[in-house]
Amino acid sequence: MGKIAMKVIVCSLLVGIMQCGLSAAILEAAPNDRQQQDRQQQDRARQDKQDQEQRDRKDQDRQERVRQENDRHEQEMRRHDYENDRDYQDRMDREHERHNHAIDNIEEVLGILYILSR
C-alpha cells in the first residue's frame, strides 16, 4: 500500500505541475487588458485625427467655394458701360438676391455633408 500511495502522490504532483505550466502558457499568450486599452486608445486617436483632417478639408472646400462666389459677385456688381441707372439698379438687386442664395446654399450643402459624415 505504501508504494501505491507514493505513486499516486507523485502522479498527482506531476499533474499539478503540468496544469500550472499549461495555465501560465495560456495566460502569457492572452493579451492583457493594458495592451488592449493601449490599442483602443491608439485606434481612437487615429480616428479622431482622420475626422479632424476631414473637417479641415471640408472647411477649406467651403472657404474656397465662398471665395469663388464672392469673386464672381464682385465682378458681376461692376457697372457695365452700356447700362443706365435703372438697369444697373435692377441687376444689382437681382445679383444681391442670387449671391445671398448661393452663399446660403453653400453653407447648407456643406452643413448637411458634415452632419452625414459624422
PDB file of N, CA and C in Angstrom:
ATOM      1  N   MET A   1       0.805  -1.166   0.000  1.00  0.00           N
ATOM      2  CA  MET A   1       0.000   0.000   0.000  1.00  0.00           C
ATOM      3  C   MET A   1       0.860   1.247   0.000  1.00  0.00           C
ATOM      4  N   GLY A   2       1.951   1.240   0.609  1.00  0.00           N
ATOM      5  CA  GLY A   2       2.851   2.384   0.691  1.00  0.00           C
ATOM      6  C   GLY A   2       3.383   2.775  -0.658  1.00  0.00           C
ATOM      7  N   LYS A   3       3.720   1.747  -1.503  1.00  0.00           N
ATOM      8  CA  LYS A   3       4.258   2.062  -2.826  1.00  0.00           C
ATOM      9  C   LYS A   3       3.168   2.668  -3.719  1.00  0.00           C
ATOM     10  N   ILE A   4       1.983   2.127  -3.614  1.00  0.00           N
ATOM     11  CA  ILE A   4       0.891   2.626  -4.446  1.00  0.00           C
ATOM     12  C   ILE A   4       0.539   4.053  -4.021  1.00  0.00           C
ATOM     13  N   ALA A   5       0.478   4.325  -2.746  1.00  0.00           N
ATOM     14  CA  ALA A   5       0.162   5.671  -2.265  1.00  0.00           C
ATOM     15  C   ALA A   5       1.231   6.653  -2.715  1.00  0.00           C
ATOM     16  N   MET A   6       2.491   6.227  -2.671  1.00  0.00           N
ATOM     17  CA  MET A   6       3.596   7.074  -3.097  1.00  0.00           C
ATOM     18  C   MET A   6       3.485   7.396  -4.579  1.00  0.00           C
ATOM     19  N   LYS A   7       3.121   6.396  -5.390  1.00  0.00           N
ATOM     20  CA  LYS A   7       2.981   6.602  -6.839  1.00  0.00           C
ATOM     21  C   LYS A   7       1.814   7.559  -7.138  1.00  0.00           C
ATOM     22  N   VAL A   8       0.725   7.407  -6.393  1.00  0.00           N
ATOM     23  CA  VAL A   8      -0.433   8.287  -6.593  1.00  0.00           C
ATOM     24  C   VAL A   8      -0.067   9.722  -6.232  1.00  0.00           C
ATOM     25  N   ILE A   9       0.663   9.891  -5.160  1.00  0.00           N
ATOM     26  CA  ILE A   9       1.068  11.234  -4.733  1.00  0.00           C
ATOM     27  C   ILE A   9       1.994  11.865  -5.774  1.00  0.00           C
ATOM     28  N   VAL A  10       2.970  11.101  -6.257  1.00  0.00           N
ATOM     29  CA  VAL A  10       3.914  11.607  -7.256  1.00  0.00           C
ATOM     30  C   VAL A  10       3.175  11.963  -8.542  1.00  0.00           C
ATOM     31  N   CYS A  11       2.273  11.106  -8.980  1.00  0.00           N
ATOM     32  CA  CYS A  11       1.495  11.378 -10.200  1.00  0.00           C
ATOM     33  C   CYS A  11       0.627  12.617 -10.005  1.00  0.00           C
ATOM     34  N   SER A  12       0.017  12.783  -8.860  1.00  0.00           N
ATOM     35  CA  SER A  12      -0.802  13.954  -8.586  1.00  0.00           C
ATOM     36  C   SER A  12       0.037  15.227  -8.634  1.00  0.00           C
ATOM     37  N   LEU A  13       1.228  15.167  -8.071  1.00  0.00           N
ATOM     38  CA  LEU A  13       2.118  16.328  -8.103  1.00  0.00           C
ATOM     39  C   LEU A  13       2.542  16.665  -9.539  1.00  0.00           C
ATOM     40  N   LEU A  14       2.851  15.630 -10.319  1.00  0.00           N
ATOM     41  CA  LEU A  14       3.243  15.858 -11.709  1.00  0.00           C
ATOM     42  C   LEU A  14       2.093  16.468 -12.512  1.00  0.00           C
ATOM     43  N   VAL A  15       0.893  15.966 -12.297  1.00  0.00           N
ATOM     44  CA  VAL A  15      -0.274  16.511 -12.999  1.00  0.00           C
ATOM     45  C   VAL A  15      -0.493  17.968 -12.567  1.00  0.00           C
ATOM     46  N   GLY A  16      -0.336  18.261 -11.322  1.00  0.00           N
ATOM     47  CA  GLY A  16      -0.486  19.637 -10.819  1.00  0.00           C
ATOM     48  C   GLY A  16       0.537  20.574 -11.427  1.00  0.00           C
ATOM     49  N   ILE A  17       1.778  20.105 -11.517  1.00  0.00           N
ATOM     50  CA  ILE A  17       2.836  20.928 -12.129  1.00  0.00           C
ATOM     51  C   ILE A  17       2.535  21.178 -13.604  1.00  0.00           C
ATOM     52  N   MET A  18       2.063  20.137 -14.287  1.00  0.00           N
ATOM     53  CA  MET A  18       1.722  20.294 -15.710  1.00  0.00           C
ATOM     54  C   MET A  18       0.565  21.280 -15.871  1.00  0.00           C
ATOM     55  N   GLN A  19      -0.423  21.241 -14.994  1.00  0.00           N
ATOM     56  CA  GLN A  19      -1.549  22.173 -15.078  1.00  0.00           C
ATOM     57  C   GLN A  19      -1.079  23.607 -14.849  1.00  0.00           C
ATOM     58  N   CYS A  20      -0.190  23.809 -13.900  1.00  0.00           N
ATOM     59  CA  CYS A  20       0.351  25.155 -13.647  1.00  0.00           C
ATOM     60  C   CYS A  20       1.117  25.663 -14.866  1.00  0.00           C
ATOM     61  N   GLY A  21       1.920  24.790 -15.454  1.00  0.00           N
ATOM     62  CA  GLY A  21       2.686  25.182 -16.638  1.00  0.00           C
ATOM     63  C   GLY A  21       1.775  25.529 -17.804  1.00  0.00           C
ATOM     64  N   LEU A  22       0.737  24.729 -18.006  1.00  0.00           N
ATOM     65  CA  LEU A  22      -0.205  24.989 -19.094  1.00  0.00           C
ATOM     66  C   LEU A  22      -0.975  26.285 -18.833  1.00  0.00           C
ATOM     67  N   SER A  23      -1.390  26.517 -17.614  1.00  0.00           N
ATOM     68  CA  SER A  23      -2.105  27.755 -17.271  1.00  0.00           C
ATOM     69  C   SER A  23      -1.218  28.975 -17.487  1.00  0.00           C
ATOM     70  N   ALA A  24       0.037  28.884 -17.107  1.00  0.00           N
ATOM     71  CA  ALA A  24       0.963  30.004 -17.292  1.00  0.00           C
ATOM     72  C   ALA A  24       1.151  30.309 -18.776  1.00  0.00           C
ATOM     73  N   ALA A  25       1.242  29.277 -19.602  1.00  0.00           N
ATOM     74  CA  ALA A  25       1.400  29.483 -21.039  1.00  0.00           C
ATOM     75  C   ALA A  25       0.164  30.149 -21.635  1.00  0.00           C
ATOM     76  N   ILE A  26      -0.998  29.749 -21.205  1.00  0.00           N
ATOM     77  CA  ILE A  26      -2.242  30.335 -21.710  1.00  0.00           C
ATOM     78  C   ILE A  26      -2.348  31.799 -21.285  1.00  0.00           C
ATOM     79  N   LEU A  27      -2.005  32.089 -20.034  1.00  0.00           N
ATOM     80  CA  LEU A  27      -2.069  33.470 -19.561  1.00  0.00           C
ATOM     81  C   LEU A  27      -1.066  34.357 -20.297  1.00  0.00           C
ATOM     82  N   GLU A  28       0.098  33.845 -20.595  1.00  0.00           N
ATOM     83  CA  GLU A  28       1.106  34.611 -21.332  1.00  0.00           C
ATOM     84  C   GLU A  28       0.645  34.901 -22.743  1.00  0.00           C
ATOM     85  N   ALA A  29      -0.024  33.961 -23.370  1.00  0.00           N
ATOM     86  CA  ALA A  29      -0.431  34.116 -24.762  1.00  0.00           C
ATOM     87  C   ALA A  29      -1.621  35.070 -24.894  1.00  0.00           C
ATOM     88  N   ALA A  30      -2.457  35.141 -23.885  1.00  0.00           N
ATOM     89  CA  ALA A  30      -3.636  36.003 -23.963  1.00  0.00           C
ATOM     90  C   ALA A  30      -3.220  37.461 -23.797  1.00  0.00           C
ATOM     91  N   PRO A  31      -3.809  38.368 -24.587  1.00  0.00           N
ATOM     92  CA  PRO A  31      -3.468  39.783 -24.421  1.00  0.00           C
ATOM     93  C   PRO A  31      -4.036  40.288 -23.101  1.00  0.00           C
ATOM     94  N   ASN A  32      -3.245  41.075 -22.420  1.00  0.00           N
ATOM     95  CA  ASN A  32      -3.747  41.604 -21.158  1.00  0.00           C
ATOM     96  C   ASN A  32      -4.552  42.876 -21.412  1.00  0.00           C
ATOM     97  N   ASP A  33      -5.244  43.320 -20.419  1.00  0.00           N
ATOM     98  CA  ASP A  33      -6.133  44.474 -20.560  1.00  0.00           C
ATOM     99  C   ASP A  33      -5.367  45.740 -20.927  1.00  0.00           C
ATOM    100  N   ARG A  34      -4.179  45.898 -20.430  1.00  0.00           N
ATOM    101  CA  ARG A  34      -3.401  47.115 -20.695  1.00  0.00           C
ATOM    102  C   ARG A  34      -3.075  47.232 -22.182  1.00  0.00           C
ATOM    103  N   GLN A  35      -2.662  46.128 -22.793  1.00  0.00           N
ATOM    104  CA  GLN A  35      -2.360  46.153 -24.222  1.00  0.00           C
ATOM    105  C   GLN A  35      -3.620  46.484 -25.026  1.00  0.00           C
ATOM    106  N   GLN A  36      -4.723  45.913 -24.634  1.00  0.00           N
ATOM    107  CA  GLN A  36      -5.973  46.152 -25.342  1.00  0.00           C
ATOM    108  C   GLN A  36      -6.409  47.612 -25.185  1.00  0.00           C
ATOM    109  N   GLN A  37      -6.264  48.166 -24.004  1.00  0.00           N
ATOM    110  CA  GLN A  37      -6.613  49.563 -23.783  1.00  0.00           C
ATOM    111  C   GLN A  37      -5.714  50.486 -24.605  1.00  0.00           C
ATOM    112  N   ASP A  38      -4.418  50.186 -24.641  1.00  0.00           N
ATOM    113  CA  ASP A  38      -3.491  50.992 -25.437  1.00  0.00           C
ATOM    114  C   ASP A  38      -3.871  50.943 -26.916  1.00  0.00           C
ATOM    115  N   ARG A  39      -4.208  49.762 -27.390  1.00  0.00           N
ATOM    116  CA  ARG A  39      -4.589  49.607 -28.794  1.00  0.00           C
ATOM    117  C   ARG A  39      -5.869  50.392 -29.087  1.00  0.00           C
ATOM    118  N   GLN A  40      -6.843  50.339 -28.167  1.00  0.00           N
ATOM    119  CA  GLN A  40      -8.082  51.077 -28.351  1.00  0.00           C
ATOM    120  C   GLN A  40      -7.835  52.583 -28.352  1.00  0.00           C
ATOM    121  N   GLN A  41      -6.942  53.051 -27.463  1.00  0.00           N
ATOM    122  CA  GLN A  41      -6.624  54.473 -27.423  1.00  0.00           C
ATOM    123  C   GLN A  41      -5.936  54.915 -28.711  1.00  0.00           C
ATOM    124  N   GLN A  42      -5.050  54.074 -29.231  1.00  0.00           N
ATOM    125  CA  GLN A  42      -4.379  54.406 -30.490  1.00  0.00           C
ATOM    126  C   GLN A  42      -5.388  54.457 -31.635  1.00  0.00           C
ATOM    127  N   ASP A  43      -6.310  53.500 -31.663  1.00  0.00           N
ATOM    128  CA  ASP A  43      -7.339  53.491 -32.708  1.00  0.00           C
ATOM    129  C   ASP A  43      -8.227  54.735 -32.610  1.00  0.00           C
ATOM    130  N   ARG A  44      -8.607  55.084 -31.392  1.00  0.00           N
ATOM    131  CA  ARG A  44      -9.441  56.258 -31.179  1.00  0.00           C
ATOM    132  C   ARG A  44      -8.705  57.530 -31.592  1.00  0.00           C
ATOM    133  N   ALA A  45      -7.432  57.624 -31.243  1.00  0.00           N
ATOM    134  CA  ALA A  45      -6.635  58.801 -31.619  1.00  0.00           C
ATOM    135  C   ALA A  45      -6.494  58.887 -33.136  1.00  0.00           C
ATOM    136  N   ARG A  46      -6.274  57.757 -33.782  1.00  0.00           N
ATOM    137  CA  ARG A  46      -6.154  57.736 -35.242  1.00  0.00           C
ATOM    138  C   ARG A  46      -7.463  58.172 -35.891  1.00  0.00           C
ATOM    139  N   GLN A  47      -8.576  57.680 -35.362  1.00  0.00           N
ATOM    140  CA  GLN A  47      -9.890  58.045 -35.904  1.00  0.00           C
ATOM    141  C   GLN A  47     -10.174  59.530 -35.695  1.00  0.00           C
ATOM    142  N   ASP A  48      -9.822  60.044 -34.507  1.00  0.00           N
ATOM    143  CA  ASP A  48     -10.019  61.470 -34.230  1.00  0.00           C
ATOM    144  C   ASP A  48      -9.195  62.326 -35.186  1.00  0.00           C
ATOM    145  N   LYS A  49      -7.977  61.903 -35.455  1.00  0.00           N
ATOM    146  CA  LYS A  49      -7.113  62.643 -36.376  1.00  0.00           C
ATOM    147  C   LYS A  49      -7.699  62.634 -37.791  1.00  0.00           C
ATOM    148  N   GLN A  50      -8.206  61.488 -38.230  1.00  0.00           N
ATOM    149  CA  GLN A  50      -8.823  61.397 -39.552  1.00  0.00           C
ATOM    150  C   GLN A  50     -10.070  62.270 -39.624  1.00  0.00           C
ATOM    151  N   ASP A  51     -10.868  62.272 -38.558  1.00  0.00           N
ATOM    152  CA  ASP A  51     -12.070  63.107 -38.521  1.00  0.00           C
ATOM    153  C   ASP A  51     -11.706  64.584 -38.597  1.00  0.00           C
ATOM    154  N   GLN A  52     -10.661  64.975 -37.867  1.00  0.00           N
ATOM    155  CA  GLN A  52     -10.235  66.375 -37.878  1.00  0.00           C
ATOM    156  C   GLN A  52      -9.727  66.770 -39.263  1.00  0.00           C
ATOM    157  N   GLU A  53      -8.963  65.886 -39.908  1.00  0.00           N
ATOM    158  CA  GLU A  53      -8.475  66.174 -41.257  1.00  0.00           C
ATOM    159  C   GLU A  53      -9.640  66.316 -42.231  1.00  0.00           C
ATOM    160  N   GLN A  54     -10.649  65.473 -42.080  1.00  0.00           N
ATOM    161  CA  GLN A  54     -11.819  65.547 -42.950  1.00  0.00           C
ATOM    162  C   GLN A  54     -12.576  66.860 -42.719  1.00  0.00           C
ATOM    163  N   ARG A  55     -12.730  67.265 -41.454  1.00  0.00           N
ATOM    164  CA  ARG A  55     -13.386  68.543 -41.164  1.00  0.00           C
ATOM    165  C   ARG A  55     -12.589  69.703 -41.748  1.00  0.00           C
ATOM    166  N   ASP A  56     -11.252  69.625 -41.643  1.00  0.00           N
ATOM    167  CA  ASP A  56     -10.408  70.683 -42.195  1.00  0.00           C
ATOM    168  C   ASP A  56     -10.560  70.769 -43.714  1.00  0.00           C
ATOM    169  N   ARG A  57     -10.590  69.615 -44.385  1.00  0.00           N
ATOM    170  CA  ARG A  57     -10.766  69.613 -45.842  1.00  0.00           C
ATOM    171  C   ARG A  57     -12.110  70.214 -46.231  1.00  0.00           C
ATOM    172  N   LYS A  58     -13.148  69.858 -45.495  1.00  0.00           N
ATOM    173  CA  LYS A  58     -14.480  70.393 -45.795  1.00  0.00           C
ATOM    174  C   LYS A  58     -14.526  71.893 -45.543  1.00  0.00           C
ATOM    175  N   ASP A  59     -13.863  72.342 -44.487  1.00  0.00           N
ATOM    176  CA  ASP A  59     -13.828  73.769 -44.199  1.00  0.00           C
ATOM    177  C   ASP A  59     -13.072  74.518 -45.297  1.00  0.00           C
ATOM    178  N   GLN A  60     -11.954  73.943 -45.754  1.00  0.00           N
ATOM    179  CA  GLN A  60     -11.208  74.558 -46.850  1.00  0.00           C
ATOM    180  C   GLN A  60     -12.047  74.591 -48.118  1.00  0.00           C
ATOM    181  N   ASP A  61     -12.789  73.530 -48.378  1.00  0.00           N
ATOM    182  CA  ASP A  61     -13.657  73.478 -49.547  1.00  0.00           C
ATOM    183  C   ASP A  61     -14.730  74.559 -49.458  1.00  0.00           C
ATOM    184  N   ARG A  62     -15.312  74.702 -48.270  1.00  0.00           N
ATOM    185  CA  ARG A  62     -16.332  75.738 -48.067  1.00  0.00           C
ATOM    186  C   ARG A  62     -15.740  77.121 -48.291  1.00  0.00           C
ATOM    187  N   GLN A  63     -14.578  77.362 -47.720  1.00  0.00           N
ATOM    188  CA  GLN A  63     -13.944  78.671 -47.878  1.00  0.00           C
ATOM    189  C   GLN A  63     -13.621  78.957 -49.337  1.00  0.00           C
ATOM    190  N   GLU A  64     -13.171  77.935 -50.059  1.00  0.00           N
ATOM    191  CA  GLU A  64     -12.858  78.113 -51.474  1.00  0.00           C
ATOM    192  C   GLU A  64     -14.119  78.419 -52.275  1.00  0.00           C
ATOM    193  N   ARG A  65     -15.197  77.722 -52.000  1.00  0.00           N
ATOM    194  CA  ARG A  65     -16.451  77.990 -52.713  1.00  0.00           C
ATOM    195  C   ARG A  65     -16.983  79.381 -52.412  1.00  0.00           C
ATOM    196  N   VAL A  66     -16.897  79.785 -51.162  1.00  0.00           N
ATOM    197  CA  VAL A  66     -17.356  81.123 -50.788  1.00  0.00           C
ATOM    198  C   VAL A  66     -16.474  82.175 -51.469  1.00  0.00           C
ATOM    199  N   ARG A  67     -15.170  81.954 -51.500  1.00  0.00           N
ATOM    200  CA  ARG A  67     -14.264  82.895 -52.157  1.00  0.00           C
ATOM    201  C   ARG A  67     -14.597  83.017 -53.643  1.00  0.00           C
ATOM    202  N   GLN A  68     -14.828  81.871 -54.308  1.00  0.00           N
ATOM    203  CA  GLN A  68     -15.184  81.903 -55.724  1.00  0.00           C
ATOM    204  C   GLN A  68     -16.492  82.656 -55.947  1.00  0.00           C
ATOM    205  N   GLU A  69     -17.458  82.421 -55.088  1.00  0.00           N
ATOM    206  CA  GLU A  69     -18.740  83.122 -55.223  1.00  0.00           C
ATOM    207  C   GLU A  69     -18.567  84.615 -54.988  1.00  0.00           C
ATOM    208  N   ASN A  70     -17.750  84.977 -54.006  1.00  0.00           N
ATOM    209  CA  ASN A  70     -17.516  86.397 -53.747  1.00  0.00           C
ATOM    210  C   ASN A  70     -16.804  87.064 -54.925  1.00  0.00           C
ATOM    211  N   ASP A  71     -15.841  86.373 -55.519  1.00  0.00           N
ATOM    212  CA  ASP A  71     -15.153  86.914 -56.703  1.00  0.00           C
ATOM    213  C   ASP A  71     -16.138  87.103 -57.856  1.00  0.00           C
ATOM    214  N   ARG A  72     -16.987  86.105 -58.077  1.00  0.00           N
ATOM    215  CA  ARG A  72     -17.982  86.191 -59.141  1.00  0.00           C
ATOM    216  C   ARG A  72     -18.941  87.350 -58.871  1.00  0.00           C
ATOM    217  N   HIS A  73     -19.350  87.467 -57.606  1.00  0.00           N
ATOM    218  CA  HIS A  73     -20.278  88.530 -57.219  1.00  0.00           C
ATOM    219  C   HIS A  73     -19.645  89.908 -57.432  1.00  0.00           C
ATOM    220  N   GLU A  74     -18.407  90.049 -57.019  1.00  0.00           N
ATOM    221  CA  GLU A  74     -17.709  91.328 -57.181  1.00  0.00           C
ATOM    222  C   GLU A  74     -17.607  91.712 -58.659  1.00  0.00           C
ATOM    223  N   GLN A  75     -17.280  90.756 -59.479  1.00  0.00           N
ATOM    224  CA  GLN A  75     -17.179  91.024 -60.909  1.00  0.00           C
ATOM    225  C   GLN A  75     -18.549  91.375 -61.494  1.00  0.00           C
ATOM    226  N   GLU A  76     -19.555  90.683 -61.057  1.00  0.00           N
ATOM    227  CA  GLU A  76     -20.904  90.928 -61.572  1.00  0.00           C
ATOM    228  C   GLU A  76     -21.455  92.274 -61.110  1.00  0.00           C
ATOM    229  N   MET A  77     -21.005  92.763 -59.978  1.00  0.00           N
ATOM    230  CA  MET A  77     -21.513  94.025 -59.445  1.00  0.00           C
ATOM    231  C   MET A  77     -20.920  95.245 -60.147  1.00  0.00           C
ATOM    232  N   ARG A  78     -19.879  95.070 -60.913  1.00  0.00           N
ATOM    233  CA  ARG A  78     -19.317  96.202 -61.655  1.00  0.00           C
ATOM    234  C   ARG A  78     -20.321  96.678 -62.704  1.00  0.00           C
ATOM    235  N   ARG A  79     -20.384  97.947 -62.828  1.00  0.00           N
ATOM    236  CA  ARG A  79     -21.341  98.530 -63.761  1.00  0.00           C
ATOM    237  C   ARG A  79     -20.832  98.397 -65.193  1.00  0.00           C
ATOM    238  N   HIS A  80     -21.738  97.998 -66.064  1.00  0.00           N
ATOM    239  CA  HIS A  80     -21.396  97.887 -67.480  1.00  0.00           C
ATOM    240  C   HIS A  80     -21.497  99.264 -68.124  1.00  0.00           C
ATOM    241  N   ASP A  81     -20.685  99.478 -69.139  1.00  0.00           N
ATOM    242  CA  ASP A  81     -20.653 100.790 -69.800  1.00  0.00           C
ATOM    243  C   ASP A  81     -21.988 101.151 -70.437  1.00  0.00           C
ATOM    244  N   TYR A  82     -22.684 100.185 -70.937  1.00  0.00           N
ATOM    245  CA  TYR A  82     -23.912 100.435 -71.684  1.00  0.00           C
ATOM    246  C   TYR A  82     -25.155 100.542 -70.800  1.00  0.00           C
ATOM    247  N   GLU A  83     -25.047 100.362 -69.476  1.00  0.00           N
ATOM    248  CA  GLU A  83     -26.214 100.324 -68.597  1.00  0.00           C
ATOM    249  C   GLU A  83     -26.624 101.723 -68.134  1.00  0.00           C
ATOM    250  N   ASN A  84     -27.923 101.931 -68.078  1.00  0.00           N
ATOM    251  CA  ASN A  84     -28.399 103.164 -67.448  1.00  0.00           C
ATOM    252  C   ASN A  84     -28.607 102.882 -65.959  1.00  0.00           C
ATOM    253  N   ASP A  85     -28.963 103.893 -65.202  1.00  0.00           N
ATOM    254  CA  ASP A  85     -29.078 103.751 -63.741  1.00  0.00           C
ATOM    255  C   ASP A  85     -30.139 102.728 -63.328  1.00  0.00           C
ATOM    256  N   ARG A  86     -31.257 102.748 -63.995  1.00  0.00           N
ATOM    257  CA  ARG A  86     -32.340 101.831 -63.626  1.00  0.00           C
ATOM    258  C   ARG A  86     -31.964 100.375 -63.903  1.00  0.00           C
ATOM    259  N   ASP A  87     -31.405 100.101 -65.077  1.00  0.00           N
ATOM    260  CA  ASP A  87     -30.984  98.733 -65.403  1.00  0.00           C
ATOM    261  C   ASP A  87     -29.909  98.244 -64.436  1.00  0.00           C
ATOM    262  N   TYR A  88     -28.988  99.132 -64.116  1.00  0.00           N
ATOM    263  CA  TYR A  88     -27.916  98.772 -63.186  1.00  0.00           C
ATOM    264  C   TYR A  88     -28.490  98.452 -61.806  1.00  0.00           C
ATOM    265  N   GLN A  89     -29.422  99.256 -61.334  1.00  0.00           N
ATOM    266  CA  GLN A  89     -30.033  99.027 -60.024  1.00  0.00           C
ATOM    267  C   GLN A  89     -30.817  97.711 -60.016  1.00  0.00           C
ATOM    268  N   ASP A  90     -31.556  97.437 -61.087  1.00  0.00           N
ATOM    269  CA  ASP A  90     -32.296  96.169 -61.176  1.00  0.00           C
ATOM    270  C   ASP A  90     -31.345  94.975 -61.165  1.00  0.00           C
ATOM    271  N   ARG A  91     -30.279  95.077 -61.931  1.00  0.00           N
ATOM    272  CA  ARG A  91     -29.309  93.980 -61.986  1.00  0.00           C
ATOM    273  C   ARG A  91     -28.624  93.803 -60.631  1.00  0.00           C
ATOM    274  N   MET A  92     -28.322  94.917 -59.953  1.00  0.00           N
ATOM    275  CA  MET A  92     -27.712  94.831 -58.622  1.00  0.00           C
ATOM    276  C   MET A  92     -28.643  94.121 -57.646  1.00  0.00           C
ATOM    277  N   ASP A  93     -29.911  94.458 -57.676  1.00  0.00           N
ATOM    278  CA  ASP A  93     -30.875  93.825 -56.764  1.00  0.00           C
ATOM    279  C   ASP A  93     -30.963  92.323 -57.024  1.00  0.00           C
ATOM    280  N   ARG A  94     -31.068  91.946 -58.294  1.00  0.00           N
ATOM    281  CA  ARG A  94     -31.124  90.512 -58.637  1.00  0.00           C
ATOM    282  C   ARG A  94     -29.835  89.801 -58.226  1.00  0.00           C
ATOM    283  N   GLU A  95     -28.719  90.473 -58.444  1.00  0.00           N
ATOM    284  CA  GLU A  95     -27.430  89.858 -58.114  1.00  0.00           C
ATOM    285  C   GLU A  95     -27.269  89.695 -56.610  1.00  0.00           C
ATOM    286  N   HIS A  96     -27.717  90.652 -55.829  1.00  0.00           N
ATOM    287  CA  HIS A  96     -27.654  90.521 -54.364  1.00  0.00           C
ATOM    288  C   HIS A  96     -28.480  89.321 -53.902  1.00  0.00           C
ATOM    289  N   GLU A  97     -29.679  89.173 -54.441  1.00  0.00           N
ATOM    290  CA  GLU A  97     -30.519  88.033 -54.075  1.00  0.00           C
ATOM    291  C   GLU A  97     -29.867  86.717 -54.481  1.00  0.00           C
ATOM    292  N   ARG A  98     -29.330  86.686 -55.713  1.00  0.00           N
ATOM    293  CA  ARG A  98     -28.680  85.477 -56.200  1.00  0.00           C
ATOM    294  C   ARG A  98     -27.453  85.137 -55.360  1.00  0.00           C
ATOM    295  N   HIS A  99     -26.670  86.157 -55.014  1.00  0.00           N
ATOM    296  CA  HIS A  99     -25.461  85.959 -54.209  1.00  0.00           C
ATOM    297  C   HIS A  99     -25.823  85.427 -52.816  1.00  0.00           C
ATOM    298  N   ASN A 100     -26.792  86.040 -52.172  1.00  0.00           N
ATOM    299  CA  ASN A 100     -27.198  85.581 -50.832  1.00  0.00           C
ATOM    300  C   ASN A 100     -27.728  84.146 -50.885  1.00  0.00           C
ATOM    301  N   HIS A 101     -28.486  83.839 -51.924  1.00  0.00           N
ATOM    302  CA  HIS A 101     -28.994  82.475 -52.087  1.00  0.00           C
ATOM    303  C   HIS A 101     -27.836  81.485 -52.299  1.00  0.00           C
ATOM    304  N   ALA A 102     -26.866  81.877 -53.106  1.00  0.00           N
ATOM    305  CA  ALA A 102     -25.723  80.992 -53.376  1.00  0.00           C
ATOM    306  C   ALA A 102     -24.914  80.737 -52.110  1.00  0.00           C
ATOM    307  N   ILE A 103     -24.656  81.771 -51.327  1.00  0.00           N
ATOM    308  CA  ILE A 103     -23.895  81.609 -50.076  1.00  0.00           C
ATOM    309  C   ILE A 103     -24.673  80.722 -49.107  1.00  0.00           C
ATOM    310  N   ASP A 104     -25.975  80.962 -48.980  1.00  0.00           N
ATOM    311  CA  ASP A 104     -26.798  80.113 -48.103  1.00  0.00           C
ATOM    312  C   ASP A 104     -26.772  78.661 -48.571  1.00  0.00           C
ATOM    313  N   ASN A 105     -26.825  78.461 -49.866  1.00  0.00           N
ATOM    314  CA  ASN A 105     -26.801  77.116 -50.434  1.00  0.00           C
ATOM    315  C   ASN A 105     -25.477  76.415 -50.129  1.00  0.00           C
ATOM    316  N   ILE A 106     -24.380  77.133 -50.265  1.00  0.00           N
ATOM    317  CA  ILE A 106     -23.056  76.554 -49.960  1.00  0.00           C
ATOM    318  C   ILE A 106     -23.015  76.117 -48.500  1.00  0.00           C
ATOM    319  N   GLU A 107     -23.447  76.986 -47.610  1.00  0.00           N
ATOM    320  CA  GLU A 107     -23.426  76.660 -46.181  1.00  0.00           C
ATOM    321  C   GLU A 107     -24.343  75.480 -45.871  1.00  0.00           C
ATOM    322  N   GLU A 108     -25.504  75.457 -46.497  1.00  0.00           N
ATOM    323  CA  GLU A 108     -26.471  74.398 -46.238  1.00  0.00           C
ATOM    324  C   GLU A 108     -25.971  73.048 -46.730  1.00  0.00           C
ATOM    325  N   VAL A 109     -25.464  73.003 -47.955  1.00  0.00           N
ATOM    326  CA  VAL A 109     -24.997  71.737 -48.531  1.00  0.00           C
ATOM    327  C   VAL A 109     -23.820  71.193 -47.750  1.00  0.00           C
ATOM    328  N   LEU A 110     -22.865  72.044 -47.446  1.00  0.00           N
ATOM    329  CA  LEU A 110     -21.702  71.567 -46.703  1.00  0.00           C
ATOM    330  C   LEU A 110     -22.063  71.219 -45.264  1.00  0.00           C
ATOM    331  N   GLY A 111     -23.040  71.893 -44.694  1.00  0.00           N
ATOM    332  CA  GLY A 111     -23.504  71.546 -43.341  1.00  0.00           C
ATOM    333  C   GLY A 111     -24.145  70.167 -43.335  1.00  0.00           C
ATOM    334  N   ILE A 112     -24.942  69.874 -44.351  1.00  0.00           N
ATOM    335  CA  ILE A 112     -25.577  68.554 -44.436  1.00  0.00           C
ATOM    336  C   ILE A 112     -24.515  67.479 -44.643  1.00  0.00           C
ATOM    337  N   LEU A 113     -23.532  67.761 -45.499  1.00  0.00           N
ATOM    338  CA  LEU A 113     -22.468  66.775 -45.720  1.00  0.00           C
ATOM    339  C   LEU A 113     -21.684  66.527 -44.445  1.00  0.00           C
ATOM    340  N   TYR A 114     -21.472  67.588 -43.663  1.00  0.00           N
ATOM    341  CA  TYR A 114     -20.744  67.435 -42.399  1.00  0.00           C
ATOM    342  C   TYR A 114     -21.543  66.550 -41.437  1.00  0.00           C
ATOM    343  N   ILE A 115     -22.840  66.795 -41.362  1.00  0.00           N
ATOM    344  CA  ILE A 115     -23.683  66.010 -40.454  1.00  0.00           C
ATOM    345  C   ILE A 115     -23.703  64.541 -40.886  1.00  0.00           C
ATOM    346  N   LEU A 116     -23.805  64.306 -42.190  1.00  0.00           N
ATOM    347  CA  LEU A 116     -23.854  62.928 -42.682  1.00  0.00           C
ATOM    348  C   LEU A 116     -22.532  62.191 -42.500  1.00  0.00           C
ATOM    349  N   SER A 117     -21.437  62.935 -42.466  1.00  0.00           N
ATOM    350  CA  SER A 117     -20.128  62.278 -42.348  1.00  0.00           C
ATOM    351  C   SER A 117     -19.799  61.898 -40.916  1.00  0.00           C
ATOM    352  N   ARG A 118     -20.577  62.323 -39.968  1.00  0.00           N
ATOM    353  CA  ARG A 118     -20.289  62.030 -38.559  1.00  0.00           C
ATOM    354  C   ARG A 118     -20.573  60.631 -38.227  1.00  0.00           C
TER     355      ARG A 118
END
